[in-house]
Amino acid sequence: MNPKVTKQIQECNWQVVNITTPANYFHVLRRQIHREFRKPLIVMSPKYLLRHKECKSKIYEFVVVEGNNGDDQEGSRFMRLIKDKNKHSHLEEGVRRVILCSGKVYYDLDEERRKINAKDIAICRVEQLCPFPYDLIQQELKRYPNAEVVWCQEEPMNMGAYYYMLPRLWTCMKKLGRGSMEDIKYVGRDPSAATATGFYKIHQMEQSEILHKAIKNQPINYPF
């Protein structure tokens, strides 16, 4: 691996990942076993994805490809960040919004994007939260120079990864001369003392509003 990446991993206290594909789950466990050092690995992956029809990997994605200098965007190995599935080129000036997210909310966002055929939106999955993948985030921000940067999560604003991600995303944007911390948009639930509403219909309503804001950039006008 790149010496800078290795040093970042060795100097952190632990590793935190939120996996969205079976192959990436396999590779992060394999990486943990084969490393020459030990750091605690925290894996967050809800059972919801066990039965999701889109959460699947091809057989060849489980095969380990060596000799790519640790570039986890190419070959079959653990990917700290998964790029947008639309196979964008190295420069996409027509994309108006890049949504960064982590975990199962990606599949809901992708389905909503597919419903309205929003080709000017890119969705990137941050699979490894800690250590933060500064190099890959900057790579994606360079790919979409005119895009608005959005962090989307299902959790309330005072929970989830938002307050962890915010200063780190700003560091990446500052490095690229890309606006201020206020330019990072938040889409998710309002701050709350509880992790869930306790009412399924309210949960569905809130979830629909999150997807609507993330993809269409406007709130839902409810008839009540």
C-alpha atoms as a PDB file:
ATOM      1  CA  MET A   1       0.000   0.000   0.000  1.00  0.00           C
ATOM      2  CA  ASN A   2       0.925   3.624  -0.288  1.00  0.00           C
ATOM      3  CA  PRO A   3       3.162   4.452   2.742  1.00  0.00           C
ATOM      4  CA  LYS A   4       0.992   7.480   3.647  1.00  0.00           C
ATOM      5  CA  VAL A   5      -2.127   5.306   3.754  1.00  0.00           C
ATOM      6  CA  THR A   6      -0.383   2.671   5.870  1.00  0.00           C
ATOM      7  CA  LYS A   7       0.861   5.305   8.322  1.00  0.00           C
ATOM      8  CA  GLN A   8      -2.635   6.773   8.700  1.00  0.00           C
ATOM      9  CA  ILE A   9      -4.056   3.343   9.550  1.00  0.00           C
ATOM     10  CA  GLN A  10      -1.318   2.497  12.044  1.00  0.00           C
ATOM     11  CA  GLU A  11      -1.682   5.806  13.891  1.00  0.00           C
ATOM     12  CA  CYS A  12      -5.450   5.560  14.389  1.00  0.00           C
ATOM     13  CA  ASN A  13      -7.055   3.962  17.451  1.00  0.00           C
ATOM     14  CA  TRP A  14      -9.521   1.806  15.561  1.00  0.00           C
ATOM     15  CA  GLN A  15     -11.208   1.237  12.223  1.00  0.00           C
ATOM     16  CA  VAL A  16     -14.907   1.898  11.637  1.00  0.00           C
ATOM     17  CA  VAL A  17     -16.622   0.643   8.478  1.00  0.00           C
ATOM     18  CA  ASN A  18     -20.205   0.630   7.208  1.00  0.00           C
ATOM     19  CA  ILE A  19     -20.403  -2.019   4.494  1.00  0.00           C
ATOM     20  CA  THR A  20     -22.927  -2.093   1.640  1.00  0.00           C
ATOM     21  CA  THR A  21     -21.842  -5.102  -0.458  1.00  0.00           C
ATOM     22  CA  PRO A  22     -21.096  -8.764   0.374  1.00  0.00           C
ATOM     23  CA  ALA A  23     -17.729  -8.602  -1.421  1.00  0.00           C
ATOM     24  CA  ASN A  24     -16.609  -5.553   0.536  1.00  0.00           C
ATOM     25  CA  TYR A  25     -17.633  -7.284   3.767  1.00  0.00           C
ATOM     26  CA  PHE A  26     -15.493 -10.273   2.804  1.00  0.00           C
ATOM     27  CA  HIS A  27     -12.501  -8.123   1.876  1.00  0.00           C
ATOM     28  CA  VAL A  28     -12.532  -6.009   5.034  1.00  0.00           C
ATOM     29  CA  LEU A  29     -12.461  -9.176   7.164  1.00  0.00           C
ATOM     30  CA  ARG A  30      -9.714 -10.647   4.993  1.00  0.00           C
ATOM     31  CA  ARG A  31      -7.711  -7.425   5.280  1.00  0.00           C
ATOM     32  CA  GLN A  32      -8.058  -7.505   9.055  1.00  0.00           C
ATOM     33  CA  ILE A  33      -6.658 -11.034   9.259  1.00  0.00           C
ATOM     34  CA  HIS A  34      -3.759 -10.553   6.858  1.00  0.00           C
ATOM     35  CA  ARG A  35      -2.399  -7.274   8.182  1.00  0.00           C
ATOM     36  CA  GLU A  36       0.916  -7.300   9.999  1.00  0.00           C
ATOM     37  CA  PHE A  37      -0.525  -5.185  12.817  1.00  0.00           C
ATOM     38  CA  ARG A  38      -3.727  -5.222  14.842  1.00  0.00           C
ATOM     39  CA  LYS A  39      -6.294  -2.457  15.271  1.00  0.00           C
ATOM     40  CA  PRO A  40      -9.875  -2.926  16.504  1.00  0.00           C
ATOM     41  CA  LEU A  41     -12.349  -3.194  13.620  1.00  0.00           C
ATOM     42  CA  ILE A  42     -15.924  -1.930  14.146  1.00  0.00           C
ATOM     43  CA  VAL A  43     -18.284  -3.218  11.450  1.00  0.00           C
ATOM     44  CA  MET A  44     -21.702  -1.581  11.112  1.00  0.00           C
ATOM     45  CA  SER A  45     -23.971  -3.370   8.680  1.00  0.00           C
ATOM     46  CA  PRO A  46     -27.711  -3.749   9.367  1.00  0.00           C
ATOM     47  CA  LYS A  47     -29.561  -7.010   8.837  1.00  0.00           C
ATOM     48  CA  TYR A  48     -31.851  -5.080   6.470  1.00  0.00           C
ATOM     49  CA  LEU A  49     -29.247  -5.602   3.744  1.00  0.00           C
ATOM     50  CA  LEU A  50     -29.317  -9.385   4.155  1.00  0.00           C
ATOM     51  CA  ARG A  51     -32.570  -9.515   2.187  1.00  0.00           C
ATOM     52  CA  HIS A  52     -32.208  -6.458  -0.044  1.00  0.00           C
ATOM     53  CA  LYS A  53     -32.364  -7.493  -3.703  1.00  0.00           C
ATOM     54  CA  GLU A  54     -29.767  -4.920  -4.789  1.00  0.00           C
ATOM     55  CA  CYS A  55     -27.240  -5.807  -2.091  1.00  0.00           C
ATOM     56  CA  LYS A  56     -25.260  -8.425  -3.977  1.00  0.00           C
ATOM     57  CA  SER A  57     -21.825  -9.021  -5.474  1.00  0.00           C
ATOM     58  CA  LYS A  58     -20.597 -10.981  -8.448  1.00  0.00           C
ATOM     59  CA  ILE A  59     -18.418 -14.040  -7.828  1.00  0.00           C
ATOM     60  CA  TYR A  60     -15.321 -12.476  -9.394  1.00  0.00           C
ATOM     61  CA  GLU A  61     -15.532  -9.566  -6.936  1.00  0.00           C
ATOM     62  CA  PHE A  62     -14.507 -11.936  -4.154  1.00  0.00           C
ATOM     63  CA  VAL A  63     -11.268 -12.858  -5.937  1.00  0.00           C
ATOM     64  CA  VAL A  64      -8.269 -10.980  -4.586  1.00  0.00           C
ATOM     65  CA  VAL A  65      -6.314  -9.035  -7.195  1.00  0.00           C
ATOM     66  CA  GLU A  66      -2.748  -8.250  -6.195  1.00  0.00           C
ATOM     67  CA  GLY A  67      -0.286  -5.821  -7.684  1.00  0.00           C
ATOM     68  CA  ASN A  68      -2.408  -2.664  -7.903  1.00  0.00           C
ATOM     69  CA  ASN A  69      -0.395  -0.665  -5.346  1.00  0.00           C
ATOM     70  CA  GLY A  70      -3.206  -0.500  -2.855  1.00  0.00           C
ATOM     71  CA  ASP A  71      -5.576   1.413  -5.129  1.00  0.00           C
ATOM     72  CA  ASP A  72      -8.887   0.300  -3.711  1.00  0.00           C
ATOM     73  CA  GLN A  73     -10.797   1.745  -6.638  1.00  0.00           C
ATOM     74  CA  GLU A  74      -9.439  -0.885  -9.006  1.00  0.00           C
ATOM     75  CA  GLY A  75      -9.414  -4.640  -8.702  1.00  0.00           C
ATOM     76  CA  SER A  76     -11.095  -6.848  -6.139  1.00  0.00           C
ATOM     77  CA  ARG A  77     -10.125  -5.746  -2.642  1.00  0.00           C
ATOM     78  CA  PHE A  78     -11.668  -3.737   0.172  1.00  0.00           C
ATOM     79  CA  MET A  79     -12.934  -0.399  -1.115  1.00  0.00           C
ATOM     80  CA  ARG A  80     -12.844   2.449   1.384  1.00  0.00           C
ATOM     81  CA  LEU A  81     -15.102   4.439  -0.915  1.00  0.00           C
ATOM     82  CA  ILE A  82     -17.346   3.146  -3.702  1.00  0.00           C
ATOM     83  CA  LYS A  83     -17.712   5.540  -6.613  1.00  0.00           C
ATOM     84  CA  ASP A  84     -20.991   6.294  -8.339  1.00  0.00           C
ATOM     85  CA  LYS A  85     -22.192   3.215 -10.203  1.00  0.00           C
ATOM     86  CA  ASN A  86     -22.784   5.165 -13.436  1.00  0.00           C
ATOM     87  CA  LYS A  87     -19.118   4.867 -14.455  1.00  0.00           C
ATOM     88  CA  HIS A  88     -18.471   8.584 -14.753  1.00  0.00           C
ATOM     89  CA  SER A  89     -15.320   9.848 -16.457  1.00  0.00           C
ATOM     90  CA  HIS A  90     -12.463  11.584 -14.654  1.00  0.00           C
ATOM     91  CA  LEU A  91     -14.196  14.947 -15.108  1.00  0.00           C
ATOM     92  CA  GLU A  92     -17.972  15.382 -14.994  1.00  0.00           C
ATOM     93  CA  GLU A  93     -18.832  19.077 -15.145  1.00  0.00           C
ATOM     94  CA  GLY A  94     -22.531  18.397 -15.788  1.00  0.00           C
ATOM     95  CA  VAL A  95     -23.210  16.768 -12.411  1.00  0.00           C
ATOM     96  CA  ARG A  96     -25.048  19.300 -10.225  1.00  0.00           C
ATOM     97  CA  ARG A  97     -24.952  17.416  -6.917  1.00  0.00           C
ATOM     98  CA  VAL A  98     -22.711  14.766  -5.378  1.00  0.00           C
ATOM     99  CA  ILE A  99     -24.290  12.931  -2.453  1.00  0.00           C
ATOM    100  CA  LEU A 100     -21.975  11.296   0.061  1.00  0.00           C
ATOM    101  CA  CYS A 101     -23.557   8.696   2.314  1.00  0.00           C
ATOM    102  CA  SER A 102     -22.737   5.564   4.270  1.00  0.00           C
ATOM    103  CA  GLY A 103     -24.698   2.374   4.765  1.00  0.00           C
ATOM    104  CA  LYS A 104     -28.087   1.187   3.605  1.00  0.00           C
ATOM    105  CA  VAL A 105     -29.490   4.639   2.827  1.00  0.00           C
ATOM    106  CA  TYR A 106     -27.535   4.389  -0.425  1.00  0.00           C
ATOM    107  CA  TYR A 107     -29.978   1.853  -1.867  1.00  0.00           C
ATOM    108  CA  ASP A 108     -32.959   4.095  -1.092  1.00  0.00           C
ATOM    109  CA  LEU A 109     -31.204   7.073  -2.674  1.00  0.00           C
ATOM    110  CA  ASP A 110     -30.296   5.086  -5.772  1.00  0.00           C
ATOM    111  CA  GLU A 111     -33.867   3.856  -6.182  1.00  0.00           C
ATOM    112  CA  GLU A 112     -35.228   7.393  -5.858  1.00  0.00           C
ATOM    113  CA  ARG A 113     -32.700   8.652  -8.407  1.00  0.00           C
ATOM    114  CA  ARG A 114     -33.668   5.891 -10.802  1.00  0.00           C
ATOM    115  CA  LYS A 115     -37.382   6.732 -10.486  1.00  0.00           C
ATOM    116  CA  ILE A 116     -36.917  10.268 -11.782  1.00  0.00           C
ATOM    117  CA  ASN A 117     -33.938   9.431 -14.036  1.00  0.00           C
ATOM    118  CA  ALA A 118     -31.733  12.056 -12.391  1.00  0.00           C
ATOM    119  CA  LYS A 119     -28.528  11.671 -14.401  1.00  0.00           C
ATOM    120  CA  ASP A 120     -27.045  14.873 -13.003  1.00  0.00           C
ATOM    121  CA  ILE A 121     -26.676  13.414  -9.504  1.00  0.00           C
ATOM    122  CA  ALA A 122     -23.779  11.261  -8.294  1.00  0.00           C
ATOM    123  CA  ILE A 123     -23.964   9.080  -5.182  1.00  0.00           C
ATOM    124  CA  CYS A 124     -20.762   7.919  -3.482  1.00  0.00           C
ATOM    125  CA  ARG A 125     -20.609   5.471  -0.596  1.00  0.00           C
ATOM    126  CA  VAL A 126     -18.113   6.074   2.203  1.00  0.00           C
ATOM    127  CA  GLU A 127     -17.461   2.494   3.283  1.00  0.00           C
ATOM    128  CA  GLN A 128     -14.669   3.307   5.735  1.00  0.00           C
ATOM    129  CA  LEU A 129     -15.432   6.136   8.135  1.00  0.00           C
ATOM    130  CA  CYS A 130     -12.297   5.825  10.242  1.00  0.00           C
ATOM    131  CA  PRO A 131      -9.545   6.349   9.236  1.00  0.00           C
ATOM    132  CA  PHE A 132     -11.190   8.920   6.982  1.00  0.00           C
ATOM    133  CA  PRO A 133     -10.406   8.362   3.266  1.00  0.00           C
ATOM    134  CA  TYR A 134      -9.173  11.896   2.541  1.00  0.00           C
ATOM    135  CA  ASP A 135      -7.451  10.862  -0.697  1.00  0.00           C
ATOM    136  CA  LEU A 136     -10.512   9.218  -2.230  1.00  0.00           C
ATOM    137  CA  ILE A 137     -12.929  11.957  -1.138  1.00  0.00           C
ATOM    138  CA  GLN A 138     -10.719  14.580  -2.770  1.00  0.00           C
ATOM    139  CA  GLN A 139     -10.523  12.432  -5.891  1.00  0.00           C
ATOM    140  CA  GLU A 140     -14.325  12.389  -6.152  1.00  0.00           C
ATOM    141  CA  LEU A 141     -14.661  16.107  -5.466  1.00  0.00           C
ATOM    142  CA  LYS A 142     -12.232  16.773  -8.315  1.00  0.00           C
ATOM    143  CA  ARG A 143     -14.338  14.546 -10.563  1.00  0.00           C
ATOM    144  CA  TYR A 144     -17.396  16.785 -10.000  1.00  0.00           C
ATOM    145  CA  PRO A 145     -16.026  20.370  -9.953  1.00  0.00           C
ATOM    146  CA  ASN A 146     -19.428  22.069 -10.297  1.00  0.00           C
ATOM    147  CA  ALA A 147     -21.420  19.814  -8.004  1.00  0.00           C
ATOM    148  CA  GLU A 148     -22.999  20.784  -4.706  1.00  0.00           C
ATOM    149  CA  VAL A 149     -21.654  18.597  -1.875  1.00  0.00           C
ATOM    150  CA  VAL A 150     -24.257  16.862   0.284  1.00  0.00           C
ATOM    151  CA  TRP A 151     -23.969  14.533   3.257  1.00  0.00           C
ATOM    152  CA  CYS A 152     -27.064  12.336   3.583  1.00  0.00           C
ATOM    153  CA  GLN A 153     -27.954  10.088   6.509  1.00  0.00           C
ATOM    154  CA  GLU A 154     -31.051   8.462   7.989  1.00  0.00           C
ATOM    155  CA  GLU A 155     -30.167   9.228  11.598  1.00  0.00           C
ATOM    156  CA  PRO A 156     -31.045  12.488  13.399  1.00  0.00           C
ATOM    157  CA  MET A 157     -28.593  15.337  12.946  1.00  0.00           C
ATOM    158  CA  ASN A 158     -27.087  14.870  16.432  1.00  0.00           C
ATOM    159  CA  MET A 159     -26.534  11.154  15.765  1.00  0.00           C
ATOM    160  CA  GLY A 160     -25.052   9.218  12.891  1.00  0.00           C
ATOM    161  CA  ALA A 161     -21.813  10.323  11.225  1.00  0.00           C
ATOM    162  CA  TYR A 162     -22.656  13.928  10.330  1.00  0.00           C
ATOM    163  CA  TYR A 163     -20.655  15.773  12.981  1.00  0.00           C
ATOM    164  CA  TYR A 164     -17.740  13.418  12.411  1.00  0.00           C
ATOM    165  CA  MET A 165     -17.840  13.892   8.634  1.00  0.00           C
ATOM    166  CA  LEU A 166     -18.383  17.669   8.572  1.00  0.00           C
ATOM    167  CA  PRO A 167     -14.900  18.934   9.578  1.00  0.00           C
ATOM    168  CA  ARG A 168     -13.200  16.228   7.537  1.00  0.00           C
ATOM    169  CA  LEU A 169     -15.182  17.007   4.405  1.00  0.00           C
ATOM    170  CA  TRP A 170     -14.372  20.665   4.933  1.00  0.00           C
ATOM    171  CA  THR A 171     -10.673  19.813   5.145  1.00  0.00           C
ATOM    172  CA  CYS A 172     -10.944  18.088   1.761  1.00  0.00           C
ATOM    173  CA  MET A 173     -12.821  21.023   0.225  1.00  0.00           C
ATOM    174  CA  LYS A 174     -10.394  23.566   1.693  1.00  0.00           C
ATOM    175  CA  LYS A 175      -7.496  21.623   0.203  1.00  0.00           C
ATOM    176  CA  LEU A 176      -9.143  21.932  -3.214  1.00  0.00           C
ATOM    177  CA  GLY A 177     -10.191  25.562  -2.742  1.00  0.00           C
ATOM    178  CA  ARG A 178     -13.825  24.519  -2.879  1.00  0.00           C
ATOM    179  CA  GLY A 179     -15.890  26.844  -0.666  1.00  0.00           C
ATOM    180  CA  SER A 180     -16.464  26.792   3.091  1.00  0.00           C
ATOM    181  CA  MET A 181     -18.037  24.517   5.692  1.00  0.00           C
ATOM    182  CA  GLU A 182     -21.410  26.184   5.020  1.00  0.00           C
ATOM    183  CA  ASP A 183     -21.262  24.828   1.465  1.00  0.00           C
ATOM    184  CA  ILE A 184     -21.614  21.262   2.761  1.00  0.00           C
ATOM    185  CA  LYS A 185     -25.332  20.562   2.777  1.00  0.00           C
ATOM    186  CA  TYR A 186     -26.953  18.248   5.318  1.00  0.00           C
ATOM    187  CA  VAL A 187     -29.897  16.007   4.445  1.00  0.00           C
ATOM    188  CA  GLY A 188     -31.288  13.875   7.235  1.00  0.00           C
ATOM    189  CA  ARG A 189     -33.567  13.931  10.251  1.00  0.00           C
ATOM    190  CA  ASP A 190     -33.736  16.903  12.603  1.00  0.00           C
ATOM    191  CA  PRO A 191     -31.929  16.690  15.976  1.00  0.00           C
ATOM    192  CA  SER A 192     -33.727  14.360  18.360  1.00  0.00           C
ATOM    193  CA  ALA A 193     -33.361  12.819  21.818  1.00  0.00           C
ATOM    194  CA  ALA A 194     -34.621   9.479  20.494  1.00  0.00           C
ATOM    195  CA  THR A 195     -33.114   7.286  17.806  1.00  0.00           C
ATOM    196  CA  ALA A 196     -36.527   6.562  16.246  1.00  0.00           C
ATOM    197  CA  THR A 197     -40.050   7.977  16.269  1.00  0.00           C
ATOM    198  CA  GLY A 198     -41.711   4.736  17.377  1.00  0.00           C
ATOM    199  CA  PHE A 199     -44.431   5.162  14.728  1.00  0.00           C
ATOM    200  CA  TYR A 200     -43.977   3.357  11.422  1.00  0.00           C
ATOM    201  CA  LYS A 201     -46.043   5.822   9.358  1.00  0.00           C
ATOM    202  CA  ILE A 202     -44.085   8.784  10.713  1.00  0.00           C
ATOM    203  CA  HIS A 203     -40.861   6.915   9.992  1.00  0.00           C
ATOM    204  CA  GLN A 204     -41.953   6.366   6.381  1.00  0.00           C
ATOM    205  CA  MET A 205     -42.916  10.018   6.041  1.00  0.00           C
ATOM    206  CA  GLU A 206     -39.543  11.180   7.357  1.00  0.00           C
ATOM    207  CA  GLN A 207     -37.704   8.718   5.120  1.00  0.00           C
ATOM    208  CA  SER A 208     -39.586   9.931   2.041  1.00  0.00           C
ATOM    209  CA  GLU A 209     -38.732  13.519   2.883  1.00  0.00           C
ATOM    210  CA  ILE A 210     -35.039  12.688   3.236  1.00  0.00           C
ATOM    211  CA  LEU A 211     -34.955  11.070  -0.211  1.00  0.00           C
ATOM    212  CA  HIS A 212     -36.961  13.913  -1.739  1.00  0.00           C
ATOM    213  CA  LYS A 213     -34.622  16.558  -0.333  1.00  0.00           C
ATOM    214  CA  ALA A 214     -31.499  14.645  -1.326  1.00  0.00           C
ATOM    215  CA  ILE A 215     -32.493  14.013  -4.935  1.00  0.00           C
ATOM    216  CA  LYS A 216     -34.842  16.893  -5.788  1.00  0.00           C
ATOM    217  CA  ASN A 217     -33.420  19.452  -3.344  1.00  0.00           C
ATOM    218  CA  GLN A 218     -36.845  20.467  -2.072  1.00  0.00           C
ATOM    219  CA  PRO A 219     -39.074  19.500   0.881  1.00  0.00           C
ATOM    220  CA  ILE A 220     -42.322  17.583   0.558  1.00  0.00           C
ATOM    221  CA  ASN A 221     -45.492  19.619   0.978  1.00  0.00           C
ATOM    222  CA  TYR A 222     -47.736  17.351   3.014  1.00  0.00           C
ATOM    223  CA  PRO A 223     -51.533  17.901   2.861  1.00  0.00           C
ATOM    224  CA  PHE A 224     -51.822  18.062   6.656  1.00  0.00           C
END
